[in-house]
Structures are given as structure tokens and as C-alpha cells.
Amino acid sequence: MNVTDTTTTTSTRLDPKDPLPSARAFVEAKHTQKGVLTLGYYKGVFYEDIDNASGSQVRNIDTVRAWLYDFLEAAQTRDSKPFPTNRATVSNVLDALKAVCLLSKRPVARSNGRYVLAAHHRDSREW
């Protein structure tokens, strides 16, 4: 699976009534490198590659929502049925994703249009 592939494997089992574990599964599968979270959220904006020293890219909500549709569409429920990928379930997972990826402070802008995290701006979280 390459970095731009947002689908999941058929072994991913999620509960459509419990969006927080689904958001964590998405982050673990698509936005964690060597145990480090690479997707951040701060005041309505997602930042991708926040662990990259050269800076992260801003991603709008519609892009992240599309990633979630792709990821959840390939998932299954715990009883091996297709995950019900619809506006409500995706919105619930998106809301949970904001909590999972929440940054404690705004990333610092660089002159090249990318953003970096100042030291200790990210709350430490274990996945």
C-alpha cells in the first residue's frame, strides 16, 4: 500500500456506532510513521506531515472527508458486514478525527508556505 492509498485492508473491523476507534484506526493506518502521528488539526485546519522538518501541508476538510470515505468504504463492521459509509458515519468519524489529531498550538508558518511545529507544540499521545 502506498502513501496516497487511503483504502484499508479487509481485516479492519470497525463499529459504526463508535467513531473514535474508527478515527484512531484511520490515523494508525494512514497517518502514523514509526509510531509518530503525522496528521494534526488546529482551529478548523488539518496539517499533513506534521513530523516533517521541511514543513506540513494544509488539507481542507473536504479532502480529509474524501480520505475517510475511501478508508471506511473498504472496512467492515465487527460482524463482517460492509461498513455503512454514509454522510452520518463519515461526519461522526471526521469529528472524532479532529479530537484524535488536535494540536495544542498552531503550527508556525514558514516562508515557503508550509507549516512546522515548534518544539513541544504537540501533545504527546500514544497509539
N, C-alpha and C. Protein backbone atom coordinates (compact mmCIF):
# COMPACT_ATOMS: atom_id res chain seq x y z
N MET A 1 0.85 -1.18 0.00
CA MET A 1 0.00 0.00 0.00
C MET A 1 0.89 1.24 0.00
N ASN A 2 0.67 2.13 -0.95
CA ASN A 2 1.50 3.34 -0.98
C ASN A 2 0.89 4.43 -0.11
N VAL A 3 1.63 5.51 0.07
CA VAL A 3 1.23 6.58 0.98
C VAL A 3 -0.07 7.24 0.55
N THR A 4 -0.30 7.36 -0.75
CA THR A 4 -1.52 8.03 -1.21
C THR A 4 -2.73 7.12 -1.22
N ASP A 5 -2.56 5.84 -0.96
CA ASP A 5 -3.66 4.90 -0.93
C ASP A 5 -4.41 5.05 0.38
N THR A 6 -5.68 5.42 0.32
CA THR A 6 -6.45 5.65 1.54
C THR A 6 -7.40 4.51 1.85
N THR A 7 -7.31 3.42 1.13
CA THR A 7 -8.16 2.28 1.43
C THR A 7 -7.58 1.50 2.60
N THR A 8 -8.35 0.61 3.12
CA THR A 8 -7.90 -0.21 4.24
C THR A 8 -7.96 -1.67 3.82
N THR A 9 -7.43 -2.54 4.61
CA THR A 9 -7.49 -3.95 4.30
C THR A 9 -8.82 -4.52 4.78
N THR A 10 -9.19 -5.68 4.25
CA THR A 10 -10.46 -6.28 4.62
C THR A 10 -10.46 -6.75 6.07
N SER A 11 -9.30 -6.79 6.71
CA SER A 11 -9.25 -7.24 8.10
C SER A 11 -9.64 -6.14 9.10
N THR A 12 -9.81 -4.90 8.62
CA THR A 12 -10.17 -3.81 9.52
C THR A 12 -11.64 -3.94 9.90
N ARG A 13 -11.91 -4.12 11.18
CA ARG A 13 -13.26 -4.28 11.69
C ARG A 13 -13.58 -3.08 12.58
N LEU A 14 -14.64 -2.35 12.23
CA LEU A 14 -14.99 -1.13 12.94
C LEU A 14 -16.46 -1.15 13.36
N ASP A 15 -16.79 -0.38 14.37
CA ASP A 15 -18.16 -0.24 14.85
C ASP A 15 -18.70 1.11 14.39
N PRO A 16 -19.71 1.13 13.51
CA PRO A 16 -20.23 2.41 13.02
C PRO A 16 -20.85 3.28 14.10
N LYS A 17 -21.16 2.71 15.25
CA LYS A 17 -21.75 3.48 16.35
C LYS A 17 -20.70 4.03 17.30
N ASP A 18 -19.44 3.72 17.04
CA ASP A 18 -18.35 4.16 17.91
C ASP A 18 -17.24 4.79 17.04
N PRO A 19 -17.36 6.09 16.71
CA PRO A 19 -16.45 6.70 15.74
C PRO A 19 -15.02 6.91 16.21
N LEU A 20 -14.79 7.01 17.50
CA LEU A 20 -13.42 7.29 17.97
C LEU A 20 -12.44 6.18 17.60
N PRO A 21 -12.77 4.91 17.82
CA PRO A 21 -11.84 3.86 17.37
C PRO A 21 -11.65 3.84 15.85
N SER A 22 -12.68 4.23 15.11
CA SER A 22 -12.55 4.30 13.65
C SER A 22 -11.57 5.40 13.25
N ALA A 23 -11.65 6.55 13.93
CA ALA A 23 -10.71 7.64 13.67
C ALA A 23 -9.29 7.22 14.02
N ARG A 24 -9.14 6.53 15.13
CA ARG A 24 -7.80 6.06 15.53
C ARG A 24 -7.27 5.03 14.53
N ALA A 25 -8.14 4.16 14.03
CA ALA A 25 -7.71 3.17 13.03
C ALA A 25 -7.25 3.86 11.75
N PHE A 26 -7.96 4.90 11.34
CA PHE A 26 -7.58 5.67 10.15
C PHE A 26 -6.21 6.31 10.35
N VAL A 27 -6.01 6.94 11.49
CA VAL A 27 -4.73 7.59 11.78
C VAL A 27 -3.61 6.56 11.83
N GLU A 28 -3.86 5.45 12.48
CA GLU A 28 -2.83 4.43 12.59
C GLU A 28 -2.45 3.86 11.22
N ALA A 29 -3.46 3.66 10.38
CA ALA A 29 -3.21 3.06 9.06
C ALA A 29 -2.60 4.04 8.07
N LYS A 30 -3.00 5.31 8.15
CA LYS A 30 -2.65 6.26 7.09
C LYS A 30 -1.79 7.45 7.51
N HIS A 31 -1.75 7.77 8.80
CA HIS A 31 -1.08 9.00 9.22
C HIS A 31 -0.24 8.80 10.48
N THR A 32 0.46 7.68 10.52
CA THR A 32 1.40 7.40 11.60
C THR A 32 2.64 6.80 10.96
N GLN A 33 3.79 7.35 11.28
CA GLN A 33 5.05 6.80 10.79
C GLN A 33 5.96 6.55 11.97
N LYS A 34 6.37 5.31 12.11
CA LYS A 34 7.25 4.90 13.21
C LYS A 34 6.67 5.30 14.55
N GLY A 35 5.34 5.15 14.69
CA GLY A 35 4.67 5.46 15.95
C GLY A 35 4.39 6.93 16.19
N VAL A 36 4.70 7.80 15.20
CA VAL A 36 4.51 9.24 15.35
C VAL A 36 3.34 9.69 14.49
N LEU A 37 2.43 10.42 15.08
CA LEU A 37 1.28 10.96 14.38
C LEU A 37 1.75 11.99 13.35
N THR A 38 1.26 11.88 12.11
CA THR A 38 1.68 12.80 11.06
C THR A 38 0.54 13.68 10.55
N LEU A 39 -0.61 13.62 11.19
CA LEU A 39 -1.75 14.46 10.81
C LEU A 39 -2.17 15.26 12.03
N GLY A 40 -2.25 16.56 11.89
CA GLY A 40 -2.64 17.42 13.01
C GLY A 40 -3.87 18.23 12.65
N TYR A 41 -4.59 18.69 13.67
CA TYR A 41 -5.78 19.51 13.47
C TYR A 41 -5.72 20.67 14.44
N TYR A 42 -5.95 21.89 13.93
CA TYR A 42 -5.96 23.06 14.78
C TYR A 42 -6.91 24.11 14.20
N LYS A 43 -7.93 24.47 14.95
CA LYS A 43 -8.88 25.53 14.59
C LYS A 43 -9.40 25.43 13.15
N GLY A 44 -9.96 24.28 12.82
CA GLY A 44 -10.60 24.11 11.53
C GLY A 44 -9.71 23.70 10.38
N VAL A 45 -8.42 23.47 10.64
CA VAL A 45 -7.48 23.14 9.57
C VAL A 45 -6.72 21.87 9.93
N PHE A 46 -6.63 20.95 8.95
CA PHE A 46 -5.79 19.76 9.10
C PHE A 46 -4.43 20.06 8.49
N TYR A 47 -3.38 19.57 9.14
CA TYR A 47 -2.00 19.71 8.67
C TYR A 47 -1.45 18.30 8.48
N GLU A 48 -1.00 18.00 7.26
CA GLU A 48 -0.46 16.68 6.96
C GLU A 48 1.07 16.74 7.02
N ASP A 49 1.68 15.65 7.45
CA ASP A 49 3.14 15.53 7.59
C ASP A 49 3.68 16.47 8.66
N ILE A 50 3.01 16.56 9.80
CA ILE A 50 3.45 17.49 10.85
C ILE A 50 4.77 17.11 11.47
N ASP A 51 5.21 15.88 11.26
CA ASP A 51 6.50 15.48 11.81
C ASP A 51 7.65 15.77 10.86
N ASN A 52 7.37 16.29 9.70
CA ASN A 52 8.37 16.55 8.67
C ASN A 52 9.08 17.87 8.96
N ALA A 53 10.38 17.83 9.05
CA ALA A 53 11.15 19.04 9.37
C ALA A 53 11.04 20.11 8.30
N SER A 54 10.73 19.70 7.06
CA SER A 54 10.60 20.70 6.00
C SER A 54 9.22 21.36 6.00
N GLY A 55 8.32 20.87 6.82
CA GLY A 55 7.01 21.51 6.95
C GLY A 55 5.87 20.65 6.48
N SER A 56 4.69 20.97 6.96
CA SER A 56 3.50 20.20 6.62
C SER A 56 2.66 20.94 5.59
N GLN A 57 1.71 20.23 5.03
CA GLN A 57 0.80 20.81 4.06
C GLN A 57 -0.58 20.97 4.68
N VAL A 58 -1.27 22.03 4.34
CA VAL A 58 -2.63 22.26 4.82
C VAL A 58 -3.58 21.42 3.98
N ARG A 59 -4.51 20.74 4.62
CA ARG A 59 -5.52 19.93 3.93
C ARG A 59 -6.89 20.43 4.36
N ASN A 60 -7.77 20.70 3.40
CA ASN A 60 -9.09 21.18 3.76
C ASN A 60 -9.98 20.02 4.21
N ILE A 61 -11.08 20.35 4.83
CA ILE A 61 -12.00 19.36 5.38
C ILE A 61 -12.52 18.42 4.30
N ASP A 62 -12.80 18.93 3.11
CA ASP A 62 -13.32 18.09 2.04
C ASP A 62 -12.32 17.02 1.62
N THR A 63 -11.05 17.35 1.61
CA THR A 63 -10.02 16.36 1.28
C THR A 63 -9.97 15.27 2.33
N VAL A 64 -9.98 15.66 3.59
CA VAL A 64 -9.94 14.68 4.68
C VAL A 64 -11.21 13.84 4.67
N ARG A 65 -12.35 14.45 4.41
CA ARG A 65 -13.61 13.71 4.33
C ARG A 65 -13.54 12.65 3.21
N ALA A 66 -12.95 13.01 2.07
CA ALA A 66 -12.80 12.05 0.97
C ALA A 66 -11.89 10.90 1.37
N TRP A 67 -10.80 11.21 2.09
CA TRP A 67 -9.92 10.15 2.60
C TRP A 67 -10.71 9.19 3.48
N LEU A 68 -11.56 9.75 4.36
CA LEU A 68 -12.34 8.91 5.27
C LEU A 68 -13.35 8.04 4.50
N TYR A 69 -14.00 8.60 3.50
CA TYR A 69 -14.92 7.79 2.69
C TYR A 69 -14.18 6.59 2.10
N ASP A 70 -13.03 6.82 1.51
CA ASP A 70 -12.25 5.73 0.93
C ASP A 70 -11.85 4.69 1.97
N PHE A 71 -11.36 5.17 3.10
CA PHE A 71 -10.92 4.27 4.16
C PHE A 71 -12.08 3.45 4.71
N LEU A 72 -13.18 4.10 5.04
CA LEU A 72 -14.32 3.41 5.65
C LEU A 72 -15.04 2.51 4.67
N GLU A 73 -15.06 2.87 3.41
CA GLU A 73 -15.73 2.05 2.40
C GLU A 73 -15.10 0.66 2.31
N ALA A 74 -13.81 0.57 2.54
CA ALA A 74 -13.11 -0.70 2.47
C ALA A 74 -13.16 -1.48 3.78
N ALA A 75 -13.65 -0.85 4.83
CA ALA A 75 -13.70 -1.51 6.15
C ALA A 75 -14.96 -2.37 6.28
N GLN A 76 -14.97 -3.15 7.32
CA GLN A 76 -16.12 -3.98 7.64
C GLN A 76 -16.53 -3.72 9.08
N THR A 77 -17.77 -4.07 9.38
CA THR A 77 -18.23 -3.99 10.76
C THR A 77 -17.65 -5.18 11.52
N ARG A 78 -17.85 -5.20 12.80
CA ARG A 78 -17.30 -6.30 13.61
C ARG A 78 -17.92 -7.65 13.26
N ASP A 79 -19.13 -7.63 12.67
CA ASP A 79 -19.76 -8.89 12.25
C ASP A 79 -19.55 -9.16 10.76
N SER A 80 -18.47 -8.59 10.21
CA SER A 80 -18.01 -8.84 8.83
C SER A 80 -18.96 -8.34 7.75
N LYS A 81 -19.79 -7.38 8.05
CA LYS A 81 -20.63 -6.75 7.03
C LYS A 81 -19.92 -5.49 6.53
N PRO A 82 -20.27 -5.01 5.33
CA PRO A 82 -19.65 -3.76 4.86
C PRO A 82 -19.95 -2.61 5.81
N PHE A 83 -18.95 -1.79 6.07
CA PHE A 83 -19.14 -0.63 6.93
C PHE A 83 -20.12 0.32 6.25
N PRO A 84 -21.15 0.81 6.97
CA PRO A 84 -22.13 1.69 6.34
C PRO A 84 -21.55 3.09 6.11
N THR A 85 -20.95 3.26 4.95
CA THR A 85 -20.30 4.53 4.62
C THR A 85 -21.35 5.49 4.09
N ASN A 86 -21.75 6.42 4.93
CA ASN A 86 -22.73 7.44 4.54
C ASN A 86 -22.36 8.75 5.23
N ARG A 87 -23.11 9.77 4.93
CA ARG A 87 -22.79 11.10 5.44
C ARG A 87 -22.69 11.12 6.97
N ALA A 88 -23.61 10.46 7.63
CA ALA A 88 -23.63 10.48 9.10
C ALA A 88 -22.42 9.77 9.69
N THR A 89 -22.10 8.56 9.21
CA THR A 89 -20.97 7.84 9.79
C THR A 89 -19.65 8.55 9.49
N VAL A 90 -19.51 9.06 8.27
CA VAL A 90 -18.27 9.77 7.93
C VAL A 90 -18.14 11.05 8.74
N SER A 91 -19.24 11.78 8.91
CA SER A 91 -19.20 13.01 9.72
C SER A 91 -18.84 12.71 11.16
N ASN A 92 -19.36 11.62 11.70
CA ASN A 92 -19.03 11.25 13.08
C ASN A 92 -17.55 10.89 13.22
N VAL A 93 -17.02 10.15 12.24
CA VAL A 93 -15.60 9.79 12.29
C VAL A 93 -14.73 11.04 12.08
N LEU A 94 -15.16 11.93 11.21
CA LEU A 94 -14.42 13.18 10.99
C LEU A 94 -14.36 14.01 12.28
N ASP A 95 -15.47 14.09 12.98
CA ASP A 95 -15.49 14.81 14.25
C ASP A 95 -14.54 14.16 15.27
N ALA A 96 -14.55 12.83 15.32
CA ALA A 96 -13.64 12.12 16.21
C ALA A 96 -12.19 12.32 15.78
N LEU A 97 -11.95 12.37 14.47
CA LEU A 97 -10.60 12.59 13.96
C LEU A 97 -10.03 13.94 14.40
N LYS A 98 -10.88 14.93 14.47
CA LYS A 98 -10.44 16.25 14.96
C LYS A 98 -9.91 16.14 16.39
N ALA A 99 -10.58 15.36 17.21
CA ALA A 99 -10.14 15.17 18.59
C ALA A 99 -8.84 14.38 18.66
N VAL A 100 -8.74 13.33 17.85
CA VAL A 100 -7.55 12.49 17.84
C VAL A 100 -6.31 13.28 17.40
N CYS A 101 -6.49 14.17 16.43
CA CYS A 101 -5.36 14.89 15.83
C CYS A 101 -5.15 16.30 16.38
N LEU A 102 -5.89 16.66 17.40
CA LEU A 102 -5.85 18.03 17.92
C LEU A 102 -4.45 18.44 18.37
N LEU A 103 -4.00 19.57 17.85
CA LEU A 103 -2.72 20.14 18.25
C LEU A 103 -2.95 21.11 19.39
N SER A 104 -1.99 21.22 20.29
CA SER A 104 -2.13 22.14 21.42
C SER A 104 -1.89 23.59 21.02
N LYS A 105 -1.14 23.80 19.95
CA LYS A 105 -0.86 25.15 19.46
C LYS A 105 -0.80 25.13 17.94
N ARG A 106 -0.99 26.29 17.34
CA ARG A 106 -0.98 26.43 15.90
C ARG A 106 0.42 26.18 15.36
N PRO A 107 0.53 25.41 14.25
CA PRO A 107 1.84 25.28 13.60
C PRO A 107 2.34 26.63 13.13
N VAL A 108 3.64 26.78 13.09
CA VAL A 108 4.28 28.04 12.73
C VAL A 108 4.49 28.07 11.21
N ALA A 109 4.06 29.16 10.57
CA ALA A 109 4.19 29.29 9.11
C ALA A 109 5.63 29.53 8.72
N ARG A 110 6.01 28.97 7.60
CA ARG A 110 7.32 29.20 7.02
C ARG A 110 7.14 30.02 5.76
N SER A 111 8.19 30.64 5.29
CA SER A 111 8.11 31.48 4.09
C SER A 111 7.77 30.69 2.83
N ASN A 112 8.02 29.38 2.83
CA ASN A 112 7.73 28.56 1.65
C ASN A 112 6.27 28.11 1.61
N GLY A 113 5.44 28.62 2.51
CA GLY A 113 4.03 28.28 2.51
C GLY A 113 3.70 27.00 3.26
N ARG A 114 4.69 26.36 3.83
CA ARG A 114 4.46 25.14 4.61
C ARG A 114 4.50 25.50 6.09
N TYR A 115 4.08 24.57 6.92
CA TYR A 115 4.00 24.82 8.35
C TYR A 115 4.84 23.80 9.10
N VAL A 116 5.43 24.24 10.20
CA VAL A 116 6.20 23.34 11.06
C VAL A 116 5.72 23.51 12.49
N LEU A 117 5.94 22.49 13.28
CA LEU A 117 5.61 22.57 14.69
C LEU A 117 6.82 23.04 15.46
N ALA A 118 6.61 24.03 16.28
CA ALA A 118 7.68 24.45 17.17
C ALA A 118 7.86 23.34 18.22
N ALA A 119 9.01 23.27 18.82
CA ALA A 119 9.28 22.22 19.81
C ALA A 119 8.20 22.21 20.88
N HIS A 120 7.74 21.01 21.19
CA HIS A 120 6.77 20.78 22.26
C HIS A 120 5.39 21.39 21.99
N HIS A 121 5.08 21.69 20.74
CA HIS A 121 3.74 22.18 20.43
C HIS A 121 2.71 21.05 20.35
N ARG A 122 3.15 19.85 20.18
CA ARG A 122 2.24 18.71 20.03
C ARG A 122 2.10 18.01 21.37
N ASP A 123 0.85 17.77 21.77
CA ASP A 123 0.63 16.95 22.95
C ASP A 123 1.14 15.56 22.62
N SER A 124 1.82 14.92 23.56
CA SER A 124 2.29 13.57 23.28
C SER A 124 1.12 12.60 23.46
N ARG A 125 0.98 11.72 22.49
CA ARG A 125 -0.08 10.71 22.53
C ARG A 125 0.50 9.39 22.08
N GLU A 126 0.04 8.34 22.69
CA GLU A 126 0.49 7.00 22.29
C GLU A 126 -0.62 6.35 21.49
N TRP A 127 -0.23 5.65 20.46
CA TRP A 127 -1.22 4.99 19.62
C TRP A 127 -1.10 3.53 19.90
